[in-house]
């Protein structure tokens, strides 16, 4: 049997921003891979046209955005200063585009065995989020 973390590593083998949407907060029902607008070893910005298409697809399928995830190829699975700044900057944007504040899943690929952790980032404050992945 393939482990959950092995599957996560294969999904996010390169630094990338993705989003998970679901019918409820308990289970992820849909995964959308977004192409990068900017890709670098230390930063990633999603293409807004791809994001708009993913948002439309979520609406058409009755899904809600629950989690945004990305990998840290060389760092631990915790929000960086940049992650916190970007998440805080987006707090005002999510309601304007009719999306809820998502949790942030970060997958560290720095060791042979990937490590995945999920956080809530609000007003610059970080707290652990409990997410069930089946």
Protein backbone atom coordinates (compact mmCIF):
# COMPACT_ATOMS: atom_id res chain seq x y z
CA UNK A 1 0.00 0.00 0.00
CA UNK A 2 1.32 3.43 -0.94
CA UNK A 3 1.54 5.79 2.01
CA UNK A 4 -0.38 9.06 2.10
CA UNK A 5 2.87 11.02 2.43
CA UNK A 6 4.38 9.27 -0.59
CA UNK A 7 1.35 10.27 -2.65
CA UNK A 8 1.63 13.85 -1.40
CA UNK A 9 5.32 13.92 -2.36
CA UNK A 10 4.48 12.74 -5.88
CA UNK A 11 1.72 15.33 -6.23
CA UNK A 12 3.89 18.23 -5.11
CA UNK A 13 7.33 17.12 -6.23
CA UNK A 14 8.12 20.68 -7.31
CA UNK A 15 7.32 23.88 -5.43
CA UNK A 16 3.78 24.79 -6.32
CA UNK A 17 0.56 26.30 -5.08
CA UNK A 18 -2.50 24.16 -5.28
CA UNK A 19 -5.96 24.29 -3.86
CA UNK A 20 -8.20 21.65 -2.36
CA UNK A 21 -11.92 22.10 -2.42
CA UNK A 22 -14.54 20.00 -0.71
CA UNK A 23 -18.20 19.69 0.19
CA UNK A 24 -17.30 20.12 3.86
CA UNK A 25 -14.22 20.78 5.94
CA UNK A 26 -13.81 17.12 6.89
CA UNK A 27 -12.80 15.62 3.56
CA UNK A 28 -11.07 16.84 0.44
CA UNK A 29 -13.19 16.01 -2.59
CA UNK A 30 -11.31 17.71 -5.40
CA UNK A 31 -7.73 18.68 -6.18
CA UNK A 32 -6.81 21.37 -8.68
CA UNK A 33 -3.22 21.91 -9.85
CA UNK A 34 -2.45 25.48 -10.90
CA UNK A 35 0.39 26.41 -13.22
CA UNK A 36 2.88 28.94 -11.88
CA UNK A 37 2.97 32.54 -12.91
CA UNK A 38 6.33 32.85 -11.21
CA UNK A 39 8.46 29.89 -10.14
CA UNK A 40 11.61 30.17 -8.13
CA UNK A 41 13.42 28.22 -5.45
CA UNK A 42 12.13 30.58 -2.76
CA UNK A 43 8.79 31.84 -4.05
CA UNK A 44 5.70 30.87 -5.99
CA UNK A 45 2.84 32.97 -7.34
CA UNK A 46 -0.15 31.23 -8.92
CA UNK A 47 -1.40 32.32 -12.32
CA UNK A 48 -4.60 34.29 -11.69
CA UNK A 49 -6.22 33.09 -14.93
CA UNK A 50 -5.72 29.49 -13.80
CA UNK A 51 -7.05 30.41 -10.35
CA UNK A 52 -10.14 32.00 -11.92
CA UNK A 53 -10.74 28.84 -13.97
CA UNK A 54 -10.35 26.67 -10.87
CA UNK A 55 -12.76 28.92 -8.95
CA UNK A 56 -15.33 28.63 -11.76
CA UNK A 57 -14.89 24.85 -11.81
CA UNK A 58 -15.44 24.71 -8.03
CA UNK A 59 -18.65 26.72 -8.32
CA UNK A 60 -19.93 24.61 -11.23
CA UNK A 61 -19.37 21.47 -9.16
CA UNK A 62 -20.84 22.83 -5.92
CA UNK A 63 -17.48 22.85 -4.15
CA UNK A 64 -15.94 25.30 -1.70
CA UNK A 65 -12.28 26.19 -1.32
CA UNK A 66 -11.02 24.66 1.94
CA UNK A 67 -7.24 24.40 1.68
CA UNK A 68 -4.43 26.02 -0.28
CA UNK A 69 -1.24 23.98 -0.28
CA UNK A 70 2.34 24.27 -1.40
CA UNK A 71 5.65 22.56 -0.80
CA UNK A 72 8.82 23.64 0.94
CA UNK A 73 11.54 21.70 -0.90
CA UNK A 74 14.32 22.63 1.56
CA UNK A 75 12.51 23.86 4.67
CA UNK A 76 10.25 22.47 7.42
CA UNK A 77 6.47 22.18 7.06
CA UNK A 78 5.72 25.46 8.81
CA UNK A 79 4.75 28.85 7.42
CA UNK A 80 7.66 31.05 6.45
CA UNK A 81 7.65 34.79 7.04
CA UNK A 82 6.70 35.16 3.36
CA UNK A 83 3.85 32.61 3.71
CA UNK A 84 2.45 34.55 6.68
CA UNK A 85 2.71 37.88 4.86
CA UNK A 86 1.00 36.57 1.72
CA UNK A 87 -1.76 34.83 3.72
CA UNK A 88 -2.35 37.99 5.73
CA UNK A 89 -2.45 40.12 2.57
CA UNK A 90 -5.03 37.74 1.05
CA UNK A 91 -7.36 37.90 4.09
CA UNK A 92 -9.09 40.92 2.57
CA UNK A 93 -9.24 39.38 -0.90
CA UNK A 94 -10.97 36.03 -0.11
CA UNK A 95 -14.34 37.59 0.88
CA UNK A 96 -14.25 39.95 -2.11
CA UNK A 97 -14.05 36.97 -4.46
CA UNK A 98 -16.68 35.06 -2.46
CA UNK A 99 -14.32 32.45 -1.02
CA UNK A 100 -13.82 31.45 2.61
CA UNK A 101 -10.52 31.90 4.42
CA UNK A 102 -8.65 28.67 3.58
CA UNK A 103 -6.37 26.57 5.73
CA UNK A 104 -2.76 26.33 4.49
CA UNK A 105 -1.26 22.87 3.99
CA UNK A 106 2.53 22.93 3.75
CA UNK A 107 4.46 19.86 2.64
CA UNK A 108 8.15 19.73 3.52
CA UNK A 109 10.29 17.73 1.09
CA UNK A 110 13.58 18.43 2.89
CA UNK A 111 13.89 14.86 4.21
CA UNK A 112 13.43 11.49 2.52
CA UNK A 113 10.00 11.15 4.17
CA UNK A 114 7.77 14.16 3.42
CA UNK A 115 6.14 16.00 6.31
CA UNK A 116 2.73 17.65 5.87
CA UNK A 117 1.17 20.10 8.33
CA UNK A 118 -1.85 22.38 8.08
CA UNK A 119 -2.26 25.84 9.58
CA UNK A 120 -4.73 28.67 9.96
CA UNK A 121 -3.11 32.04 9.28
CA UNK A 122 -5.18 35.03 10.35
CA UNK A 123 -4.10 38.58 11.16
CA UNK A 124 -0.48 37.46 11.01
CA UNK A 125 -1.07 34.78 13.67
CA UNK A 126 -0.43 31.10 12.95
CA UNK A 127 -2.26 28.17 14.58
CA UNK A 128 -2.39 24.45 13.81
CA UNK A 129 -5.42 23.34 11.77
CA UNK A 130 -6.75 19.82 12.03
CA UNK A 131 -7.42 18.31 8.60
CA UNK A 132 -8.30 14.71 7.89
CA UNK A 133 -6.77 13.28 4.68
CA UNK A 134 -8.09 9.89 3.61
